[in-house]
All heavy atoms as atom14 arrays in JSON, in Angstrom:
{
  "sequence": "DAGTLDAVKALLNERAVLVFRDQKLTREQHKRVCAHFG",
  "atom14_mask": [
    [1, 1, 1, 1, 1, 1, 1, 1, 0, 0, 0, 0, 0, 0],
    [1, 1, 1, 1, 1, 0, 0, 0, 0, 0, 0, 0, 0, 0],
    [1, 1, 1, 1, 0, 0, 0, 0, 0, 0, 0, 0, 0, 0],
    [1, 1, 1, 1, 1, 1, 1, 0, 0, 0, 0, 0, 0, 0],
    [1, 1, 1, 1, 1, 1, 1, 1, 0, 0, 0, 0, 0, 0],
    [1, 1, 1, 1, 1, 1, 1, 1, 0, 0, 0, 0, 0, 0],
    [1, 1, 1, 1, 1, 0, 0, 0, 0, 0, 0, 0, 0, 0],
    [1, 1, 1, 1, 1, 1, 1, 0, 0, 0, 0, 0, 0, 0],
    [1, 1, 1, 1, 1, 1, 1, 1, 1, 0, 0, 0, 0, 0],
    [1, 1, 1, 1, 1, 0, 0, 0, 0, 0, 0, 0, 0, 0],
    [1, 1, 1, 1, 1, 1, 1, 1, 0, 0, 0, 0, 0, 0],
    [1, 1, 1, 1, 1, 1, 1, 1, 0, 0, 0, 0, 0, 0],
    [1, 1, 1, 1, 1, 1, 1, 1, 0, 0, 0, 0, 0, 0],
    [1, 1, 1, 1, 1, 1, 1, 1, 1, 0, 0, 0, 0, 0],
    [1, 1, 1, 1, 1, 1, 1, 1, 1, 1, 1, 0, 0, 0],
    [1, 1, 1, 1, 1, 0, 0, 0, 0, 0, 0, 0, 0, 0],
    [1, 1, 1, 1, 1, 1, 1, 0, 0, 0, 0, 0, 0, 0],
    [1, 1, 1, 1, 1, 1, 1, 1, 0, 0, 0, 0, 0, 0],
    [1, 1, 1, 1, 1, 1, 1, 0, 0, 0, 0, 0, 0, 0],
    [1, 1, 1, 1, 1, 1, 1, 1, 1, 1, 1, 0, 0, 0],
    [1, 1, 1, 1, 1, 1, 1, 1, 1, 1, 1, 0, 0, 0],
    [1, 1, 1, 1, 1, 1, 1, 1, 0, 0, 0, 0, 0, 0],
    [1, 1, 1, 1, 1, 1, 1, 1, 1, 0, 0, 0, 0, 0],
    [1, 1, 1, 1, 1, 1, 1, 1, 1, 0, 0, 0, 0, 0],
    [1, 1, 1, 1, 1, 1, 1, 1, 0, 0, 0, 0, 0, 0],
    [1, 1, 1, 1, 1, 1, 1, 0, 0, 0, 0, 0, 0, 0],
    [1, 1, 1, 1, 1, 1, 1, 1, 1, 1, 1, 0, 0, 0],
    [1, 1, 1, 1, 1, 1, 1, 1, 1, 0, 0, 0, 0, 0],
    [1, 1, 1, 1, 1, 1, 1, 1, 1, 0, 0, 0, 0, 0],
    [1, 1, 1, 1, 1, 1, 1, 1, 1, 1, 0, 0, 0, 0],
    [1, 1, 1, 1, 1, 1, 1, 1, 1, 0, 0, 0, 0, 0],
    [1, 1, 1, 1, 1, 1, 1, 1, 1, 1, 1, 0, 0, 0],
    [1, 1, 1, 1, 1, 1, 1, 0, 0, 0, 0, 0, 0, 0],
    [1, 1, 1, 1, 1, 1, 0, 0, 0, 0, 0, 0, 0, 0],
    [1, 1, 1, 1, 1, 0, 0, 0, 0, 0, 0, 0, 0, 0],
    [1, 1, 1, 1, 1, 1, 1, 1, 1, 1, 0, 0, 0, 0],
    [1, 1, 1, 1, 1, 1, 1, 1, 1, 1, 1, 0, 0, 0],
    [1, 1, 1, 1, 0, 0, 0, 0, 0, 0, 0, 0, 0, 0]
  ],
  "atom14_positions": [
    [[279.06, 18.59, 229.75], [278.58, 17.38, 229.44], [279.7, 16.33, 229.45], [280.79, 16.63, 229.83], [277.9, 17.37, 228.0], [278.85, 17.79, 226.91], [280.0, 17.78, 227.09], [278.29, 18.23, 225.93], [0.0, 0.0, 0.0], [0.0, 0.0, 0.0], [0.0, 0.0, 0.0], [0.0, 0.0, 0.0], [0.0, 0.0, 0.0], [0.0, 0.0, 0.0]],
    [[279.27, 15.01, 229.14], [280.15, 13.83, 229.34], [281.36, 14.11, 228.32], [282.59, 13.81, 228.77], [279.5, 12.61, 228.96], [0.0, 0.0, 0.0], [0.0, 0.0, 0.0], [0.0, 0.0, 0.0], [0.0, 0.0, 0.0], [0.0, 0.0, 0.0], [0.0, 0.0, 0.0], [0.0, 0.0, 0.0], [0.0, 0.0, 0.0], [0.0, 0.0, 0.0]],
    [[281.25, 14.59, 227.12], [282.26, 14.75, 226.28], [283.17, 15.88, 226.7], [284.54, 15.72, 226.62], [0.0, 0.0, 0.0], [0.0, 0.0, 0.0], [0.0, 0.0, 0.0], [0.0, 0.0, 0.0], [0.0, 0.0, 0.0], [0.0, 0.0, 0.0], [0.0, 0.0, 0.0], [0.0, 0.0, 0.0], [0.0, 0.0, 0.0], [0.0, 0.0, 0.0]],
    [[282.79, 16.86, 227.4], [283.6, 17.99, 227.77], [284.4, 17.36, 229.06], [285.6, 17.61, 229.11], [282.79, 19.11, 228.35], [282.07, 19.67, 227.15], [283.7, 20.25, 228.94], [0.0, 0.0, 0.0], [0.0, 0.0, 0.0], [0.0, 0.0, 0.0], [0.0, 0.0, 0.0], [0.0, 0.0, 0.0], [0.0, 0.0, 0.0], [0.0, 0.0, 0.0]],
    [[283.83, 16.62, 229.96], [284.41, 15.96, 231.06], [285.48, 14.94, 230.59], [286.61, 14.73, 231.2], [283.41, 15.37, 232.11], [282.61, 16.41, 232.7], [281.6, 15.73, 233.7], [283.39, 17.42, 233.61], [0.0, 0.0, 0.0], [0.0, 0.0, 0.0], [0.0, 0.0, 0.0], [0.0, 0.0, 0.0], [0.0, 0.0, 0.0], [0.0, 0.0, 0.0]],
    [[285.26, 14.35, 229.51], [286.25, 13.35, 228.96], [287.47, 14.31, 228.58], [288.67, 13.79, 228.78], [285.69, 12.77, 227.67], [284.86, 11.44, 228.04], [284.77, 11.04, 229.26], [284.1, 11.11, 227.07], [0.0, 0.0, 0.0], [0.0, 0.0, 0.0], [0.0, 0.0, 0.0], [0.0, 0.0, 0.0], [0.0, 0.0, 0.0], [0.0, 0.0, 0.0]],
    [[287.32, 15.41, 227.98], [288.44, 16.24, 227.62], [289.06, 16.87, 228.77], [290.34, 16.99, 228.88], [287.88, 17.47, 226.76], [0.0, 0.0, 0.0], [0.0, 0.0, 0.0], [0.0, 0.0, 0.0], [0.0, 0.0, 0.0], [0.0, 0.0, 0.0], [0.0, 0.0, 0.0], [0.0, 0.0, 0.0], [0.0, 0.0, 0.0], [0.0, 0.0, 0.0]],
    [[288.41, 17.17, 229.86], [289.06, 17.61, 231.12], [289.93, 16.42, 231.67], [291.01, 16.73, 232.18], [287.99, 17.98, 232.11], [288.55, 18.09, 233.48], [287.17, 19.2, 231.8], [0.0, 0.0, 0.0], [0.0, 0.0, 0.0], [0.0, 0.0, 0.0], [0.0, 0.0, 0.0], [0.0, 0.0, 0.0], [0.0, 0.0, 0.0], [0.0, 0.0, 0.0]],
    [[289.36, 15.17, 231.6], [290.15, 14.0, 232.09], [291.51, 13.9, 231.3], [292.59, 13.69, 231.9], [289.35, 12.79, 232.15], [290.07, 11.59, 232.75], [289.09, 10.4, 232.95], [289.72, 9.23, 233.57], [288.97, 8.02, 233.81], [0.0, 0.0, 0.0], [0.0, 0.0, 0.0], [0.0, 0.0, 0.0], [0.0, 0.0, 0.0], [0.0, 0.0, 0.0]],
    [[291.43, 14.04, 230.01], [292.6, 13.88, 229.16], [293.5, 15.03, 229.58], [294.84, 14.71, 229.55], [292.14, 13.96, 227.69], [0.0, 0.0, 0.0], [0.0, 0.0, 0.0], [0.0, 0.0, 0.0], [0.0, 0.0, 0.0], [0.0, 0.0, 0.0], [0.0, 0.0, 0.0], [0.0, 0.0, 0.0], [0.0, 0.0, 0.0], [0.0, 0.0, 0.0]],
    [[293.09, 16.18, 229.8], [294.0, 17.35, 230.05], [294.6, 17.04, 231.49], [295.75, 17.31, 231.67], [293.27, 18.62, 230.07], [294.0, 19.99, 230.26], [295.08, 19.98, 229.21], [293.15, 21.15, 230.36], [0.0, 0.0, 0.0], [0.0, 0.0, 0.0], [0.0, 0.0, 0.0], [0.0, 0.0, 0.0], [0.0, 0.0, 0.0], [0.0, 0.0, 0.0]],
    [[293.78, 16.61, 232.45], [294.31, 16.3, 233.75], [295.38, 15.23, 233.65], [296.43, 15.29, 234.28], [293.2, 15.7, 234.67], [293.6, 15.4, 236.06], [293.95, 16.71, 236.76], [292.39, 14.7, 236.91], [0.0, 0.0, 0.0], [0.0, 0.0, 0.0], [0.0, 0.0, 0.0], [0.0, 0.0, 0.0], [0.0, 0.0, 0.0], [0.0, 0.0, 0.0]],
    [[295.32, 14.17, 232.8], [296.3, 13.32, 232.6], [297.71, 13.83, 232.13], [298.75, 13.43, 232.32], [295.88, 12.09, 231.55], [294.99, 11.03, 232.33], [294.98, 10.97, 233.58], [294.14, 10.42, 231.49], [0.0, 0.0, 0.0], [0.0, 0.0, 0.0], [0.0, 0.0, 0.0], [0.0, 0.0, 0.0], [0.0, 0.0, 0.0], [0.0, 0.0, 0.0]],
    [[297.49, 14.94, 231.31], [298.61, 15.61, 230.83], [299.19, 16.57, 231.69], [300.5, 16.71, 231.9], [298.34, 16.38, 229.51], [299.33, 17.15, 228.83], [298.75, 18.02, 227.63], [297.62, 17.77, 227.14], [299.45, 18.83, 227.15], [0.0, 0.0, 0.0], [0.0, 0.0, 0.0], [0.0, 0.0, 0.0], [0.0, 0.0, 0.0], [0.0, 0.0, 0.0]],
    [[298.4, 17.44, 232.42], [298.91, 18.53, 233.21], [298.89, 18.37, 234.8], [299.5, 19.09, 235.33], [297.98, 19.71, 232.88], [297.97, 20.21, 231.54], [299.32, 20.53, 230.93], [299.89, 21.72, 231.68], [301.14, 22.08, 231.7], [302.05, 21.35, 230.99], [301.55, 23.12, 232.43], [0.0, 0.0, 0.0], [0.0, 0.0, 0.0], [0.0, 0.0, 0.0]],
    [[298.15, 17.3, 235.27], [298.2, 16.83, 236.6], [297.48, 17.63, 237.59], [296.91, 17.24, 238.62], [299.56, 16.65, 237.11], [0.0, 0.0, 0.0], [0.0, 0.0, 0.0], [0.0, 0.0, 0.0], [0.0, 0.0, 0.0], [0.0, 0.0, 0.0], [0.0, 0.0, 0.0], [0.0, 0.0, 0.0], [0.0, 0.0, 0.0], [0.0, 0.0, 0.0]],
    [[297.4, 19.01, 237.35], [296.56, 19.94, 238.14], [295.8, 20.98, 237.28], [296.5, 21.51, 236.4], [297.58, 20.78, 239.04], [296.8, 21.76, 239.82], [298.4, 19.99, 239.93], [0.0, 0.0, 0.0], [0.0, 0.0, 0.0], [0.0, 0.0, 0.0], [0.0, 0.0, 0.0], [0.0, 0.0, 0.0], [0.0, 0.0, 0.0], [0.0, 0.0, 0.0]],
    [[294.59, 21.1, 237.52], [293.77, 21.96, 236.72], [292.96, 22.96, 237.58], [292.38, 22.56, 238.67], [292.69, 21.21, 235.9], [293.14, 20.19, 234.93], [292.13, 19.5, 234.22], [294.15, 20.81, 233.96], [0.0, 0.0, 0.0], [0.0, 0.0, 0.0], [0.0, 0.0, 0.0], [0.0, 0.0, 0.0], [0.0, 0.0, 0.0], [0.0, 0.0, 0.0]],
    [[293.04, 24.18, 237.33], [292.33, 25.33, 238.06], [291.21, 25.89, 237.22], [291.48, 26.37, 236.17], [293.41, 26.44, 238.44], [292.81, 27.53, 239.25], [294.68, 25.74, 239.14], [0.0, 0.0, 0.0], [0.0, 0.0, 0.0], [0.0, 0.0, 0.0], [0.0, 0.0, 0.0], [0.0, 0.0, 0.0], [0.0, 0.0, 0.0], [0.0, 0.0, 0.0]],
    [[290.04, 25.75, 237.79], [288.91, 26.27, 237.2], [288.41, 27.58, 237.96], [287.92, 27.45, 239.09], [287.76, 25.34, 237.08], [288.02, 24.0, 236.35], [288.72, 22.97, 237.04], [287.71, 23.8, 234.95], [289.16, 21.75, 236.31], [288.08, 22.74, 234.3], [288.73, 21.66, 234.94], [0.0, 0.0, 0.0], [0.0, 0.0, 0.0], [0.0, 0.0, 0.0]],
    [[288.38, 28.66, 237.33], [287.95, 29.99, 237.91], [286.5, 30.23, 237.63], [285.81, 29.74, 236.8], [288.84, 31.18, 237.32], [290.23, 31.1, 237.46], [290.67, 30.97, 238.85], [292.23, 31.05, 239.17], [292.88, 30.98, 240.21], [292.28, 30.89, 241.46], [294.27, 31.05, 240.25], [0.0, 0.0, 0.0], [0.0, 0.0, 0.0], [0.0, 0.0, 0.0]],
    [[285.89, 31.04, 238.61], [284.51, 31.59, 238.3], [283.42, 30.54, 238.32], [282.7, 30.5, 237.37], [284.55, 32.56, 237.15], [285.58, 33.67, 237.24], [285.71, 34.17, 238.31], [286.17, 33.98, 236.23], [0.0, 0.0, 0.0], [0.0, 0.0, 0.0], [0.0, 0.0, 0.0], [0.0, 0.0, 0.0], [0.0, 0.0, 0.0], [0.0, 0.0, 0.0]],
    [[283.59, 29.63, 239.16], [282.54, 28.46, 239.24], [281.39, 28.86, 240.11], [281.52, 29.4, 241.14], [283.24, 27.22, 239.66], [284.45, 26.84, 238.73], [283.98, 26.46, 237.22], [283.07, 25.71, 237.03], [284.56, 27.1, 236.21], [0.0, 0.0, 0.0], [0.0, 0.0, 0.0], [0.0, 0.0, 0.0], [0.0, 0.0, 0.0], [0.0, 0.0, 0.0]],
    [[280.29, 28.23, 239.81], [279.06, 28.37, 240.74], [278.51, 26.94, 240.8], [277.76, 26.54, 239.88], [278.06, 29.32, 240.27], [278.52, 30.81, 240.31], [278.55, 31.31, 241.81], [278.88, 32.77, 241.77], [278.93, 33.24, 243.13], [0.0, 0.0, 0.0], [0.0, 0.0, 0.0], [0.0, 0.0, 0.0], [0.0, 0.0, 0.0], [0.0, 0.0, 0.0]],
    [[278.87, 26.15, 241.83], [278.53, 24.73, 241.86], [277.68, 24.39, 243.08], [278.07, 24.83, 244.27], [279.72, 23.88, 241.95], [280.7, 23.88, 240.66], [282.0, 23.2, 240.97], [279.99, 22.96, 239.67], [0.0, 0.0, 0.0], [0.0, 0.0, 0.0], [0.0, 0.0, 0.0], [0.0, 0.0, 0.0], [0.0, 0.0, 0.0], [0.0, 0.0, 0.0]],
    [[276.64, 23.61, 242.83], [276.01, 23.07, 244.05], [276.9, 21.86, 244.51], [277.59, 21.37, 243.7], [274.53, 22.53, 243.71], [274.64, 21.57, 242.71], [273.7, 23.82, 243.12], [0.0, 0.0, 0.0], [0.0, 0.0, 0.0], [0.0, 0.0, 0.0], [0.0, 0.0, 0.0], [0.0, 0.0, 0.0], [0.0, 0.0, 0.0], [0.0, 0.0, 0.0]],
    [[276.42, 21.31, 245.69], [277.07, 20.04, 246.05], [276.82, 18.83, 245.12], [277.73, 18.11, 244.7], [276.68, 19.58, 247.44], [277.3, 20.39, 248.51], [276.94, 19.91, 249.82], [277.57, 20.67, 250.95], [277.33, 20.53, 252.22], [276.3, 19.64, 252.7], [277.98, 21.21, 253.16], [0.0, 0.0, 0.0], [0.0, 0.0, 0.0], [0.0, 0.0, 0.0]],
    [[275.62, 18.92, 244.59], [275.34, 17.79, 243.57], [276.02, 17.98, 242.3], [276.46, 16.88, 241.77], [273.84, 17.67, 243.44], [273.0, 17.08, 244.7], [273.46, 15.74, 245.06], [273.77, 14.88, 244.31], [273.8, 15.76, 246.45], [0.0, 0.0, 0.0], [0.0, 0.0, 0.0], [0.0, 0.0, 0.0], [0.0, 0.0, 0.0], [0.0, 0.0, 0.0]],
    [[276.27, 19.12, 241.76], [276.94, 19.36, 240.61], [278.4, 18.98, 240.88], [279.12, 18.45, 239.98], [276.81, 20.86, 240.15], [275.44, 21.07, 239.63], [275.12, 22.63, 239.51], [275.75, 23.49, 240.17], [274.27, 22.97, 238.61], [0.0, 0.0, 0.0], [0.0, 0.0, 0.0], [0.0, 0.0, 0.0], [0.0, 0.0, 0.0], [0.0, 0.0, 0.0]],
    [[278.93, 19.33, 241.97], [280.32, 19.07, 242.47], [280.64, 17.53, 242.33], [281.41, 17.06, 241.74], [280.58, 19.74, 243.76], [282.08, 19.74, 244.17], [282.38, 20.22, 245.42], [283.1, 19.16, 243.6], [283.77, 20.11, 245.53], [284.18, 19.42, 244.49], [0.0, 0.0, 0.0], [0.0, 0.0, 0.0], [0.0, 0.0, 0.0], [0.0, 0.0, 0.0]],
    [[279.65, 16.8, 243.0], [279.72, 15.42, 243.1], [279.52, 14.76, 241.66], [280.23, 13.88, 241.36], [278.64, 14.87, 243.94], [279.0, 15.22, 245.45], [277.95, 14.83, 246.39], [277.44, 13.38, 246.38], [276.24, 13.11, 247.26], [0.0, 0.0, 0.0], [0.0, 0.0, 0.0], [0.0, 0.0, 0.0], [0.0, 0.0, 0.0], [0.0, 0.0, 0.0]],
    [[278.71, 15.34, 240.82], [278.48, 14.75, 239.44], [279.74, 14.95, 238.61], [280.12, 13.91, 237.89], [277.39, 15.54, 238.83], [277.03, 15.08, 237.35], [276.06, 15.98, 236.61], [276.63, 17.28, 236.33], [277.42, 17.56, 235.35], [277.86, 16.65, 234.54], [277.77, 18.81, 235.21], [0.0, 0.0, 0.0], [0.0, 0.0, 0.0], [0.0, 0.0, 0.0]],
    [[280.47, 16.02, 238.75], [281.71, 16.15, 237.99], [282.74, 15.15, 238.45], [283.37, 14.56, 237.58], [282.17, 17.65, 238.25], [283.56, 17.7, 237.53], [281.27, 18.57, 237.41], [0.0, 0.0, 0.0], [0.0, 0.0, 0.0], [0.0, 0.0, 0.0], [0.0, 0.0, 0.0], [0.0, 0.0, 0.0], [0.0, 0.0, 0.0], [0.0, 0.0, 0.0]],
    [[282.92, 15.06, 239.74], [283.85, 14.22, 240.33], [283.69, 12.68, 240.0], [284.63, 11.89, 239.77], [283.9, 14.31, 241.86], [285.36, 13.64, 242.55], [0.0, 0.0, 0.0], [0.0, 0.0, 0.0], [0.0, 0.0, 0.0], [0.0, 0.0, 0.0], [0.0, 0.0, 0.0], [0.0, 0.0, 0.0], [0.0, 0.0, 0.0], [0.0, 0.0, 0.0]],
    [[282.39, 12.3, 239.97], [281.98, 10.87, 239.58], [282.4, 10.41, 238.3], [282.45, 9.35, 238.0], [280.51, 10.71, 239.81], [0.0, 0.0, 0.0], [0.0, 0.0, 0.0], [0.0, 0.0, 0.0], [0.0, 0.0, 0.0], [0.0, 0.0, 0.0], [0.0, 0.0, 0.0], [0.0, 0.0, 0.0], [0.0, 0.0, 0.0], [0.0, 0.0, 0.0]],
    [[282.68, 11.42, 237.43], [283.32, 11.09, 236.01], [284.64, 10.58, 236.06], [285.2, 10.06, 235.01], [283.12, 12.33, 235.14], [283.23, 12.02, 233.75], [282.1, 11.74, 232.87], [284.11, 12.17, 232.73], [282.47, 11.49, 231.73], [283.61, 11.8, 231.6], [0.0, 0.0, 0.0], [0.0, 0.0, 0.0], [0.0, 0.0, 0.0], [0.0, 0.0, 0.0]],
    [[285.3, 10.61, 237.15], [286.78, 10.28, 237.34], [286.96, 9.0, 238.18], [286.05, 8.69, 238.81], [287.51, 11.45, 237.79], [287.52, 12.7, 237.05], [286.39, 13.48, 236.87], [288.62, 13.11, 236.22], [286.25, 14.57, 236.13], [288.58, 14.19, 235.49], [287.47, 14.9, 235.31], [0.0, 0.0, 0.0], [0.0, 0.0, 0.0], [0.0, 0.0, 0.0]],
    [[287.99, 8.4, 237.92], [288.31, 7.29, 238.73], [287.39, 6.18, 238.42], [287.04, 5.92, 237.2], [0.0, 0.0, 0.0], [0.0, 0.0, 0.0], [0.0, 0.0, 0.0], [0.0, 0.0, 0.0], [0.0, 0.0, 0.0], [0.0, 0.0, 0.0], [0.0, 0.0, 0.0], [0.0, 0.0, 0.0], [0.0, 0.0, 0.0], [0.0, 0.0, 0.0]]
  ]
}
């Protein structure tokens, strides 16, 4: 959800590279996550 993605963005600002294992994403889900950034 949006709150979790806010936490991901905060961690990205701190760590610069994040690796997420064992994902099952459709293209639309992939795009939805990315649209939360920038």
